[in-house]
Amino acid sequence: MDDTPQTEVVTRINEFSVSQRSDQWRHLKKDALVAQLWLRVKNSYGVSQGVSFLCGPTAIIFALIKSNPSRYVQICQQLFETGGFEARGRKYTASQALREAEFTSSGM
């Protein structure tokens, strides 16, 4: 996937960027998220845990971007717009406290 995103991924990111659905994250800006999606699907090696000590989740994100970048973008969009996502028939939802938390940008 590195270097040039596939057409499906390009379409998915473009559709997300113009989506009118409201966001669920108090301190997360959509344009910043979309910019990060472009960077990550073009170069998955830019994904980094930073100082977060979250090497396990970071490894999962890296593997997902490498193996199925379109699904990665879809999950990001669902999290942003609804606060959760579905995988293998199970719904995962970010807590209200997490969606309202302030955070700093890292490599993830």
PDB file of N, CA and C in Angstrom:
ATOM      1  N   MET A   1       0.813  -1.191   0.000  1.00  0.00           N
ATOM      2  CA  MET A   1       0.000   0.000   0.000  1.00  0.00           C
ATOM      3  C   MET A   1       0.854   1.251   0.000  1.00  0.00           C
ATOM      4  N   ASP A   2       2.065   1.186   0.476  1.00  0.00           N
ATOM      5  CA  ASP A   2       2.892   2.379   0.551  1.00  0.00           C
ATOM      6  C   ASP A   2       3.066   3.014  -0.824  1.00  0.00           C
ATOM      7  N   ASP A   3       3.268   4.301  -0.822  1.00  0.00           N
ATOM      8  CA  ASP A   3       3.488   5.158  -1.987  1.00  0.00           C
ATOM      9  C   ASP A   3       2.185   5.695  -2.582  1.00  0.00           C
ATOM     10  N   THR A   4       1.338   4.850  -3.173  1.00  0.00           N
ATOM     11  CA  THR A   4       0.131   5.339  -3.825  1.00  0.00           C
ATOM     12  C   THR A   4      -1.085   4.587  -3.319  1.00  0.00           C
ATOM     13  N   PRO A   5      -2.031   5.297  -2.707  1.00  0.00           N
ATOM     14  CA  PRO A   5      -3.241   4.628  -2.228  1.00  0.00           C
ATOM     15  C   PRO A   5      -4.048   4.050  -3.385  1.00  0.00           C
ATOM     16  N   GLN A   6      -4.698   2.926  -3.131  1.00  0.00           N
ATOM     17  CA  GLN A   6      -5.548   2.309  -4.126  1.00  0.00           C
ATOM     18  C   GLN A   6      -6.792   3.160  -4.335  1.00  0.00           C
ATOM     19  N   THR A   7      -7.424   2.995  -5.483  1.00  0.00           N
ATOM     20  CA  THR A   7      -8.598   3.778  -5.840  1.00  0.00           C
ATOM     21  C   THR A   7      -9.689   3.708  -4.785  1.00  0.00           C
ATOM     22  N   GLU A   8      -9.962   2.530  -4.246  1.00  0.00           N
ATOM     23  CA  GLU A   8     -11.009   2.375  -3.228  1.00  0.00           C
ATOM     24  C   GLU A   8     -10.700   3.212  -1.989  1.00  0.00           C
ATOM     25  N   VAL A   9      -9.455   3.235  -1.591  1.00  0.00           N
ATOM     26  CA  VAL A   9      -9.050   4.008  -0.417  1.00  0.00           C
ATOM     27  C   VAL A   9      -9.177   5.501  -0.704  1.00  0.00           C
ATOM     28  N   VAL A  10      -8.761   5.924  -1.871  1.00  0.00           N
ATOM     29  CA  VAL A  10      -8.877   7.322  -2.265  1.00  0.00           C
ATOM     30  C   VAL A  10     -10.351   7.740  -2.234  1.00  0.00           C
ATOM     31  N   THR A  11     -11.209   6.925  -2.806  1.00  0.00           N
ATOM     32  CA  THR A  11     -12.643   7.209  -2.824  1.00  0.00           C
ATOM     33  C   THR A  11     -13.197   7.298  -1.416  1.00  0.00           C
ATOM     34  N   ARG A  12     -12.826   6.355  -0.561  1.00  0.00           N
ATOM     35  CA  ARG A  12     -13.339   6.325   0.809  1.00  0.00           C
ATOM     36  C   ARG A  12     -12.908   7.572   1.593  1.00  0.00           C
ATOM     37  N   ILE A  13     -11.638   7.973   1.458  1.00  0.00           N
ATOM     38  CA  ILE A  13     -11.169   9.168   2.166  1.00  0.00           C
ATOM     39  C   ILE A  13     -11.866  10.409   1.618  1.00  0.00           C
ATOM     40  N   ASN A  14     -12.004  10.498   0.297  1.00  0.00           N
ATOM     41  CA  ASN A  14     -12.685  11.651  -0.294  1.00  0.00           C
ATOM     42  C   ASN A  14     -14.139  11.738   0.157  1.00  0.00           C
ATOM     43  N   GLU A  15     -14.825  10.611   0.214  1.00  0.00           N
ATOM     44  CA  GLU A  15     -16.219  10.595   0.680  1.00  0.00           C
ATOM     45  C   GLU A  15     -16.310  11.015   2.146  1.00  0.00           C
ATOM     46  N   PHE A  16     -15.381  10.547   2.946  1.00  0.00           N
ATOM     47  CA  PHE A  16     -15.361  10.948   4.362  1.00  0.00           C
ATOM     48  C   PHE A  16     -15.129  12.449   4.490  1.00  0.00           C
ATOM     49  N   SER A  17     -14.233  12.984   3.692  1.00  0.00           N
ATOM     50  CA  SER A  17     -13.894  14.403   3.813  1.00  0.00           C
ATOM     51  C   SER A  17     -15.078  15.316   3.518  1.00  0.00           C
ATOM     52  N   VAL A  18     -16.029  14.863   2.710  1.00  0.00           N
ATOM     53  CA  VAL A  18     -17.200  15.694   2.391  1.00  0.00           C
ATOM     54  C   VAL A  18     -18.464  15.243   3.108  1.00  0.00           C
ATOM     55  N   SER A  19     -18.362  14.216   3.900  1.00  0.00           N
ATOM     56  CA  SER A  19     -19.525  13.730   4.652  1.00  0.00           C
ATOM     57  C   SER A  19     -20.053  14.826   5.572  1.00  0.00           C
ATOM     58  N   GLN A  20     -21.360  14.928   5.675  1.00  0.00           N
ATOM     59  CA  GLN A  20     -21.997  15.944   6.507  1.00  0.00           C
ATOM     60  C   GLN A  20     -22.399  15.418   7.884  1.00  0.00           C
ATOM     61  N   ARG A  21     -22.078  14.163   8.159  1.00  0.00           N
ATOM     62  CA  ARG A  21     -22.433  13.605   9.474  1.00  0.00           C
ATOM     63  C   ARG A  21     -21.639  14.315  10.553  1.00  0.00           C
ATOM     64  N   SER A  22     -22.294  14.520  11.679  1.00  0.00           N
ATOM     65  CA  SER A  22     -21.623  15.231  12.768  1.00  0.00           C
ATOM     66  C   SER A  22     -20.582  14.341  13.436  1.00  0.00           C
ATOM     67  N   ASP A  23     -19.646  14.994  14.087  1.00  0.00           N
ATOM     68  CA  ASP A  23     -18.600  14.223  14.752  1.00  0.00           C
ATOM     69  C   ASP A  23     -18.983  13.989  16.208  1.00  0.00           C
ATOM     70  N   GLN A  24     -18.318  13.031  16.835  1.00  0.00           N
ATOM     71  CA  GLN A  24     -18.577  12.651  18.216  1.00  0.00           C
ATOM     72  C   GLN A  24     -17.411  12.971  19.137  1.00  0.00           C
ATOM     73  N   TRP A  25     -16.409  13.695  18.625  1.00  0.00           N
ATOM     74  CA  TRP A  25     -15.179  13.943  19.373  1.00  0.00           C
ATOM     75  C   TRP A  25     -15.025  15.438  19.626  1.00  0.00           C
ATOM     76  N   ARG A  26     -15.037  15.804  20.867  1.00  0.00           N
ATOM     77  CA  ARG A  26     -15.038  17.214  21.246  1.00  0.00           C
ATOM     78  C   ARG A  26     -13.799  17.966  20.756  1.00  0.00           C
ATOM     79  N   HIS A  27     -12.637  17.341  20.807  1.00  0.00           N
ATOM     80  CA  HIS A  27     -11.391  18.045  20.504  1.00  0.00           C
ATOM     81  C   HIS A  27     -10.678  17.519  19.256  1.00  0.00           C
ATOM     82  N   LEU A  28     -11.369  16.798  18.427  1.00  0.00           N
ATOM     83  CA  LEU A  28     -10.760  16.251  17.215  1.00  0.00           C
ATOM     84  C   LEU A  28     -11.349  16.956  16.000  1.00  0.00           C
ATOM     85  N   LYS A  29     -10.491  17.499  15.179  1.00  0.00           N
ATOM     86  CA  LYS A  29     -10.918  18.219  13.981  1.00  0.00           C
ATOM     87  C   LYS A  29     -10.878  17.290  12.772  1.00  0.00           C
ATOM     88  N   LYS A  30     -11.962  17.295  12.022  1.00  0.00           N
ATOM     89  CA  LYS A  30     -12.090  16.400  10.880  1.00  0.00           C
ATOM     90  C   LYS A  30     -10.995  16.615   9.840  1.00  0.00           C
ATOM     91  N   ASP A  31     -10.683  17.861   9.525  1.00  0.00           N
ATOM     92  CA  ASP A  31      -9.667  18.108   8.503  1.00  0.00           C
ATOM     93  C   ASP A  31      -8.302  17.560   8.920  1.00  0.00           C
ATOM     94  N   ALA A  32      -7.994  17.632  10.218  1.00  0.00           N
ATOM     95  CA  ALA A  32      -6.733  17.071  10.716  1.00  0.00           C
ATOM     96  C   ALA A  32      -6.744  15.544  10.612  1.00  0.00           C
ATOM     97  N   LEU A  33      -7.886  14.933  10.929  1.00  0.00           N
ATOM     98  CA  LEU A  33      -8.005  13.476  10.828  1.00  0.00           C
ATOM     99  C   LEU A  33      -7.856  13.025   9.378  1.00  0.00           C
ATOM    100  N   VAL A  34      -8.520  13.696   8.474  1.00  0.00           N
ATOM    101  CA  VAL A  34      -8.427  13.331   7.057  1.00  0.00           C
ATOM    102  C   VAL A  34      -6.983  13.470   6.561  1.00  0.00           C
ATOM    103  N   ALA A  35      -6.315  14.531   6.955  1.00  0.00           N
ATOM    104  CA  ALA A  35      -4.910  14.713   6.568  1.00  0.00           C
ATOM    105  C   ALA A  35      -4.049  13.565   7.096  1.00  0.00           C
ATOM    106  N   GLN A  36      -4.296  13.149   8.329  1.00  0.00           N
ATOM    107  CA  GLN A  36      -3.549  12.023   8.898  1.00  0.00           C
ATOM    108  C   GLN A  36      -3.867  10.716   8.185  1.00  0.00           C
ATOM    109  N   LEU A  37      -5.103  10.528   7.778  1.00  0.00           N
ATOM    110  CA  LEU A  37      -5.459   9.317   7.017  1.00  0.00           C
ATOM    111  C   LEU A  37      -4.658   9.246   5.725  1.00  0.00           C
ATOM    112  N   TRP A  38      -4.570  10.374   5.010  1.00  0.00           N
ATOM    113  CA  TRP A  38      -3.781  10.400   3.773  1.00  0.00           C
ATOM    114  C   TRP A  38      -2.333  10.003   4.048  1.00  0.00           C
ATOM    115  N   LEU A  39      -1.752  10.587   5.085  1.00  0.00           N
ATOM    116  CA  LEU A  39      -0.359  10.282   5.415  1.00  0.00           C
ATOM    117  C   LEU A  39      -0.168   8.810   5.744  1.00  0.00           C
ATOM    118  N   ARG A  40      -1.069   8.251   6.526  1.00  0.00           N
ATOM    119  CA  ARG A  40      -0.913   6.858   6.966  1.00  0.00           C
ATOM    120  C   ARG A  40      -1.115   5.853   5.851  1.00  0.00           C
ATOM    121  N   VAL A  41      -2.102   6.083   4.974  1.00  0.00           N
ATOM    122  CA  VAL A  41      -2.293   5.110   3.898  1.00  0.00           C
ATOM    123  C   VAL A  41      -1.201   5.222   2.842  1.00  0.00           C
ATOM    124  N   LYS A  42      -0.590   6.388   2.728  1.00  0.00           N
ATOM    125  CA  LYS A  42       0.540   6.532   1.805  1.00  0.00           C
ATOM    126  C   LYS A  42       1.816   5.944   2.377  1.00  0.00           C
ATOM    127  N   ASN A  43       1.969   6.005   3.694  1.00  0.00           N
ATOM    128  CA  ASN A  43       3.175   5.489   4.339  1.00  0.00           C
ATOM    129  C   ASN A  43       2.832   4.950   5.723  1.00  0.00           C
ATOM    130  N   SER A  44       2.501   3.687   5.783  1.00  0.00           N
ATOM    131  CA  SER A  44       2.115   3.074   7.059  1.00  0.00           C
ATOM    132  C   SER A  44       3.271   3.050   8.056  1.00  0.00           C
ATOM    133  N   TYR A  45       4.492   3.211   7.582  1.00  0.00           N
ATOM    134  CA  TYR A  45       5.638   3.224   8.487  1.00  0.00           C
ATOM    135  C   TYR A  45       5.699   4.504   9.327  1.00  0.00           C
ATOM    136  N   GLY A  46       4.844   5.464   9.015  1.00  0.00           N
ATOM    137  CA  GLY A  46       4.753   6.673   9.817  1.00  0.00           C
ATOM    138  C   GLY A  46       3.940   6.482  11.090  1.00  0.00           C
ATOM    139  N   VAL A  47       3.257   5.349  11.217  1.00  0.00           N
ATOM    140  CA  VAL A  47       2.482   5.058  12.422  1.00  0.00           C
ATOM    141  C   VAL A  47       3.453   4.787  13.561  1.00  0.00           C
ATOM    142  N   SER A  48       3.252   5.474  14.675  1.00  0.00           N
ATOM    143  CA  SER A  48       4.154   5.343  15.810  1.00  0.00           C
ATOM    144  C   SER A  48       3.371   5.468  17.108  1.00  0.00           C
ATOM    145  N   GLN A  49       3.778   4.721  18.101  1.00  0.00           N
ATOM    146  CA  GLN A  49       3.126   4.818  19.404  1.00  0.00           C
ATOM    147  C   GLN A  49       3.559   6.062  20.161  1.00  0.00           C
ATOM    148  N   GLY A  50       4.618   6.710  19.717  1.00  0.00           N
ATOM    149  CA  GLY A  50       5.123   7.883  20.408  1.00  0.00           C
ATOM    150  C   GLY A  50       5.532   7.524  21.831  1.00  0.00           C
ATOM    151  N   VAL A  51       5.096   8.312  22.782  1.00  0.00           N
ATOM    152  CA  VAL A  51       5.423   8.059  24.187  1.00  0.00           C
ATOM    153  C   VAL A  51       4.243   7.432  24.929  1.00  0.00           C
ATOM    154  N   SER A  52       3.302   6.861  24.195  1.00  0.00           N
ATOM    155  CA  SER A  52       2.050   6.394  24.788  1.00  0.00           C
ATOM    156  C   SER A  52       2.114   5.011  25.432  1.00  0.00           C
ATOM    157  N   PHE A  53       3.140   4.231  25.202  1.00  0.00           N
ATOM    158  CA  PHE A  53       3.235   2.862  25.705  1.00  0.00           C
ATOM    159  C   PHE A  53       2.107   1.974  25.173  1.00  0.00           C
ATOM    160  N   LEU A  54       1.612   2.283  23.999  1.00  0.00           N
ATOM    161  CA  LEU A  54       0.538   1.503  23.387  1.00  0.00           C
ATOM    162  C   LEU A  54       1.053   0.731  22.177  1.00  0.00           C
ATOM    163  N   CYS A  55       2.111  -0.058  22.386  1.00  0.00           N
ATOM    164  CA  CYS A  55       2.713  -0.752  21.256  1.00  0.00           C
ATOM    165  C   CYS A  55       1.782  -1.803  20.658  1.00  0.00           C
ATOM    166  N   GLY A  56       0.980  -2.470  21.465  1.00  0.00           N
ATOM    167  CA  GLY A  56       0.050  -3.483  20.955  1.00  0.00           C
ATOM    168  C   GLY A  56      -0.980  -2.891  20.003  1.00  0.00           C
ATOM    169  N   PRO A  57      -1.750  -1.892  20.459  1.00  0.00           N
ATOM    170  CA  PRO A  57      -2.720  -1.274  19.550  1.00  0.00           C
ATOM    171  C   PRO A  57      -2.069  -0.631  18.328  1.00  0.00           C
ATOM    172  N   THR A  58      -0.892  -0.054  18.503  1.00  0.00           N
ATOM    173  CA  THR A  58      -0.195   0.558  17.377  1.00  0.00           C
ATOM    174  C   THR A  58       0.184  -0.500  16.341  1.00  0.00           C
ATOM    175  N   ALA A  59       0.614  -1.664  16.800  1.00  0.00           N
ATOM    176  CA  ALA A  59       0.950  -2.757  15.880  1.00  0.00           C
ATOM    177  C   ALA A  59      -0.287  -3.224  15.108  1.00  0.00           C
ATOM    178  N   ILE A  60      -1.426  -3.253  15.794  1.00  0.00           N
ATOM    179  CA  ILE A  60      -2.672  -3.650  15.130  1.00  0.00           C
ATOM    180  C   ILE A  60      -3.048  -2.632  14.058  1.00  0.00           C
ATOM    181  N   ILE A  61      -2.933  -1.354  14.370  1.00  0.00           N
ATOM    182  CA  ILE A  61      -3.238  -0.298  13.399  1.00  0.00           C
ATOM    183  C   ILE A  61      -2.311  -0.416  12.194  1.00  0.00           C
ATOM    184  N   PHE A  62      -1.030  -0.601  12.447  1.00  0.00           N
ATOM    185  CA  PHE A  62      -0.057  -0.743  11.365  1.00  0.00           C
ATOM    186  C   PHE A  62      -0.427  -1.914  10.462  1.00  0.00           C
ATOM    187  N   ALA A  63      -0.730  -3.068  11.071  1.00  0.00           N
ATOM    188  CA  ALA A  63      -1.082  -4.264  10.296  1.00  0.00           C
ATOM    189  C   ALA A  63      -2.364  -4.052   9.490  1.00  0.00           C
ATOM    190  N   LEU A  64      -3.337  -3.370  10.081  1.00  0.00           N
ATOM    191  CA  LEU A  64      -4.590  -3.117   9.376  1.00  0.00           C
ATOM    192  C   LEU A  64      -4.357  -2.204   8.172  1.00  0.00           C
ATOM    193  N   ILE A  65      -3.574  -1.166   8.353  1.00  0.00           N
ATOM    194  CA  ILE A  65      -3.288  -0.258   7.234  1.00  0.00           C
ATOM    195  C   ILE A  65      -2.576  -1.019   6.115  1.00  0.00           C
ATOM    196  N   LYS A  66      -1.643  -1.876   6.470  1.00  0.00           N
ATOM    197  CA  LYS A  66      -0.899  -2.648   5.458  1.00  0.00           C
ATOM    198  C   LYS A  66      -1.800  -3.643   4.738  1.00  0.00           C
ATOM    199  N   SER A  67      -2.669  -4.331   5.482  1.00  0.00           N
ATOM    200  CA  SER A  67      -3.455  -5.413   4.889  1.00  0.00           C
ATOM    201  C   SER A  67      -4.790  -4.962   4.304  1.00  0.00           C
ATOM    202  N   ASN A  68      -5.412  -3.936   4.899  1.00  0.00           N
ATOM    203  CA  ASN A  68      -6.738  -3.523   4.452  1.00  0.00           C
ATOM    204  C   ASN A  68      -6.935  -2.023   4.731  1.00  0.00           C
ATOM    205  N   PRO A  69      -6.251  -1.188   3.980  1.00  0.00           N
ATOM    206  CA  PRO A  69      -6.326   0.252   4.246  1.00  0.00           C
ATOM    207  C   PRO A  69      -7.737   0.821   4.115  1.00  0.00           C
ATOM    208  N   SER A  70      -8.544   0.257   3.246  1.00  0.00           N
ATOM    209  CA  SER A  70      -9.911   0.730   3.093  1.00  0.00           C
ATOM    210  C   SER A  70     -10.717   0.505   4.376  1.00  0.00           C
ATOM    211  N   ARG A  71     -10.529  -0.634   5.000  1.00  0.00           N
ATOM    212  CA  ARG A  71     -11.221  -0.935   6.264  1.00  0.00           C
ATOM    213  C   ARG A  71     -10.718  -0.007   7.367  1.00  0.00           C
ATOM    214  N   TYR A  72      -9.441   0.284   7.378  1.00  0.00           N
ATOM    215  CA  TYR A  72      -8.878   1.214   8.359  1.00  0.00           C
ATOM    216  C   TYR A  72      -9.566   2.575   8.250  1.00  0.00           C
ATOM    217  N   VAL A  73      -9.701   3.092   7.032  1.00  0.00           N
ATOM    218  CA  VAL A  73     -10.359   4.381   6.825  1.00  0.00           C
ATOM    219  C   VAL A  73     -11.822   4.295   7.250  1.00  0.00           C
ATOM    220  N   GLN A  74     -12.474   3.198   6.914  1.00  0.00           N
ATOM    221  CA  GLN A  74     -13.873   3.018   7.292  1.00  0.00           C
ATOM    222  C   GLN A  74     -14.047   3.045   8.817  1.00  0.00           C
ATOM    223  N   ILE A  75     -13.178   2.365   9.534  1.00  0.00           N
ATOM    224  CA  ILE A  75     -13.240   2.355  11.001  1.00  0.00           C
ATOM    225  C   ILE A  75     -13.018   3.759  11.552  1.00  0.00           C
ATOM    226  N   CYS A  76     -12.041   4.466  11.020  1.00  0.00           N
ATOM    227  CA  CYS A  76     -11.784   5.840  11.475  1.00  0.00           C
ATOM    228  C   CYS A  76     -12.997   6.725  11.249  1.00  0.00           C
ATOM    229  N   GLN A  77     -13.621   6.600  10.084  1.00  0.00           N
ATOM    230  CA  GLN A  77     -14.802   7.406   9.797  1.00  0.00           C
ATOM    231  C   GLN A  77     -15.940   7.057  10.745  1.00  0.00           C
ATOM    232  N   GLN A  78     -16.181   5.781  10.968  1.00  0.00           N
ATOM    233  CA  GLN A  78     -17.254   5.371  11.874  1.00  0.00           C
ATOM    234  C   GLN A  78     -16.998   5.867  13.292  1.00  0.00           C
ATOM    235  N   LEU A  79     -15.773   5.747  13.754  1.00  0.00           N
ATOM    236  CA  LEU A  79     -15.438   6.251  15.088  1.00  0.00           C
ATOM    237  C   LEU A  79     -15.672   7.753  15.180  1.00  0.00           C
ATOM    238  N   PHE A  80     -15.251   8.482  14.168  1.00  0.00           N
ATOM    239  CA  PHE A  80     -15.403   9.926  14.177  1.00  0.00           C
ATOM    240  C   PHE A  80     -16.872  10.338  14.155  1.00  0.00           C
ATOM    241  N   GLU A  81     -17.655   9.694  13.301  1.00  0.00           N
ATOM    242  CA  GLU A  81     -19.041  10.114  13.102  1.00  0.00           C
ATOM    243  C   GLU A  81     -20.023   9.526  14.102  1.00  0.00           C
ATOM    244  N   THR A  82     -19.741   8.353  14.634  1.00  0.00           N
ATOM    245  CA  THR A  82     -20.718   7.709  15.524  1.00  0.00           C
ATOM    246  C   THR A  82     -20.156   7.407  16.908  1.00  0.00           C
ATOM    247  N   GLY A  83     -18.844   7.509  17.066  1.00  0.00           N
ATOM    248  CA  GLY A  83     -18.232   7.184  18.350  1.00  0.00           C
ATOM    249  C   GLY A  83     -17.945   5.702  18.517  1.00  0.00           C
ATOM    250  N   GLY A  84     -18.183   4.916  17.481  1.00  0.00           N
ATOM    251  CA  GLY A  84     -17.930   3.477  17.566  1.00  0.00           C
ATOM    252  C   GLY A  84     -17.818   2.864  16.186  1.00  0.00           C
ATOM    253  N   PHE A  85     -17.585   1.559  16.158  1.00  0.00           N
ATOM    254  CA  PHE A  85     -17.527   0.832  14.894  1.00  0.00           C
ATOM    255  C   PHE A  85     -17.907  -0.619  15.147  1.00  0.00           C
ATOM    256  N   GLU A  86     -18.244  -1.318  14.081  1.00  0.00           N
ATOM    257  CA  GLU A  86     -18.596  -2.726  14.178  1.00  0.00           C
ATOM    258  C   GLU A  86     -17.517  -3.570  13.529  1.00  0.00           C
ATOM    259  N   ALA A  87     -17.217  -4.696  14.159  1.00  0.00           N
ATOM    260  CA  ALA A  87     -16.259  -5.653  13.605  1.00  0.00           C
ATOM    261  C   ALA A  87     -16.699  -7.053  13.998  1.00  0.00           C
ATOM    262  N   ARG A  88     -16.836  -7.895  12.995  1.00  0.00           N
ATOM    263  CA  ARG A  88     -17.225  -9.287  13.207  1.00  0.00           C
ATOM    264  C   ARG A  88     -18.474  -9.417  14.072  1.00  0.00           C
ATOM    265  N   GLY A  89     -19.458  -8.577  13.780  1.00  0.00           N
ATOM    266  CA  GLY A  89     -20.738  -8.644  14.451  1.00  0.00           C
ATOM    267  C   GLY A  89     -20.779  -8.051  15.855  1.00  0.00           C
ATOM    268  N   ARG A  90     -19.713  -7.425  16.261  1.00  0.00           N
ATOM    269  CA  ARG A  90     -19.667  -6.830  17.598  1.00  0.00           C
ATOM    270  C   ARG A  90     -19.465  -5.322  17.472  1.00  0.00           C
ATOM    271  N   LYS A  91     -20.163  -4.564  18.293  1.00  0.00           N
ATOM    272  CA  LYS A  91     -20.066  -3.105  18.286  1.00  0.00           C
ATOM    273  C   LYS A  91     -19.068  -2.667  19.352  1.00  0.00           C
ATOM    274  N   TYR A  92     -18.130  -1.815  18.965  1.00  0.00           N
ATOM    275  CA  TYR A  92     -17.152  -1.232  19.878  1.00  0.00           C
ATOM    276  C   TYR A  92     -17.435   0.264  19.945  1.00  0.00           C
ATOM    277  N   THR A  93     -17.544   0.792  21.155  1.00  0.00           N
ATOM    278  CA  THR A  93     -17.884   2.196  21.330  1.00  0.00           C
ATOM    279  C   THR A  93     -16.875   2.862  22.253  1.00  0.00           C
ATOM    280  N   ALA A  94     -16.422   4.027  21.833  1.00  0.00           N
ATOM    281  CA  ALA A  94     -15.528   4.829  22.678  1.00  0.00           C
ATOM    282  C   ALA A  94     -16.367   5.460  23.791  1.00  0.00           C
ATOM    283  N   SER A  95     -15.827   5.465  24.989  1.00  0.00           N
ATOM    284  CA  SER A  95     -16.551   6.047  26.114  1.00  0.00           C
ATOM    285  C   SER A  95     -16.755   7.545  25.906  1.00  0.00           C
ATOM    286  N   GLN A  96     -17.768   8.085  26.569  1.00  0.00           N
ATOM    287  CA  GLN A  96     -18.018   9.520  26.507  1.00  0.00           C
ATOM    288  C   GLN A  96     -16.805  10.295  27.020  1.00  0.00           C
ATOM    289  N   ALA A  97     -16.187   9.794  28.089  1.00  0.00           N
ATOM    290  CA  ALA A  97     -15.008  10.468  28.646  1.00  0.00           C
ATOM    291  C   ALA A  97     -13.872  10.525  27.622  1.00  0.00           C
ATOM    292  N   LEU A  98     -13.661   9.450  26.890  1.00  0.00           N
ATOM    293  CA  LEU A  98     -12.615   9.448  25.859  1.00  0.00           C
ATOM    294  C   LEU A  98     -12.955  10.422  24.745  1.00  0.00           C
ATOM    295  N   ARG A  99     -14.222  10.454  24.328  1.00  0.00           N
ATOM    296  CA  ARG A  99     -14.625  11.349  23.238  1.00  0.00           C
ATOM    297  C   ARG A  99     -14.558  12.821  23.631  1.00  0.00           C
ATOM    298  N   GLU A 100     -14.575  13.105  24.913  1.00  0.00           N
ATOM    299  CA  GLU A 100     -14.488  14.490  25.377  1.00  0.00           C
ATOM    300  C   GLU A 100     -13.084  14.884  25.834  1.00  0.00           C
ATOM    301  N   ALA A 101     -12.184  13.923  25.893  1.00  0.00           N
ATOM    302  CA  ALA A 101     -10.826  14.183  26.405  1.00  0.00           C
ATOM    303  C   ALA A 101     -10.016  15.022  25.424  1.00  0.00           C
ATOM    304  N   GLU A 102      -9.157  15.859  25.995  1.00  0.00           N
ATOM    305  CA  GLU A 102      -8.185  16.581  25.179  1.00  0.00           C
ATOM    306  C   GLU A 102      -6.984  15.665  25.025  1.00  0.00           C
ATOM    307  N   PHE A 103      -6.333  15.722  23.894  1.00  0.00           N
ATOM    308  CA  PHE A 103      -5.169  14.885  23.645  1.00  0.00           C
ATOM    309  C   PHE A 103      -4.224  15.610  22.725  1.00  0.00           C
ATOM    310  N   THR A 104      -3.013  15.121  22.715  1.00  0.00           N
ATOM    311  CA  THR A 104      -2.025  15.686  21.805  1.00  0.00           C
ATOM    312  C   THR A 104      -1.792  14.692  20.690  1.00  0.00           C
ATOM    313  N   SER A 105      -1.391  15.184  19.567  1.00  0.00           N
ATOM    314  CA  SER A 105      -1.143  14.351  18.412  1.00  0.00           C
ATOM    315  C   SER A 105       0.119  13.536  18.613  1.00  0.00           C
ATOM    316  N   SER A 106       0.044  12.272  18.225  1.00  0.00           N
ATOM    317  CA  SER A 106       1.229  11.411  18.226  1.00  0.00           C
ATOM    318  C   SER A 106       1.346  10.813  16.835  1.00  0.00           C
ATOM    319  N   GLY A 107       2.192   9.825  16.681  1.00  0.00           N
ATOM    320  CA  GLY A 107       2.364   9.175  15.380  1.00  0.00           C
ATOM    321  C   GLY A 107       1.184   8.337  14.960  1.00  0.00           C
ATOM    322  N   MET A 108       0.256   8.081  15.877  1.00  0.00           N
ATOM    323  CA  MET A 108      -0.893   7.260  15.530  1.00  0.00           C
ATOM    324  C   MET A 108      -1.901   8.055  14.839  1.00  0.00           C
TER     325      MET A 108
END
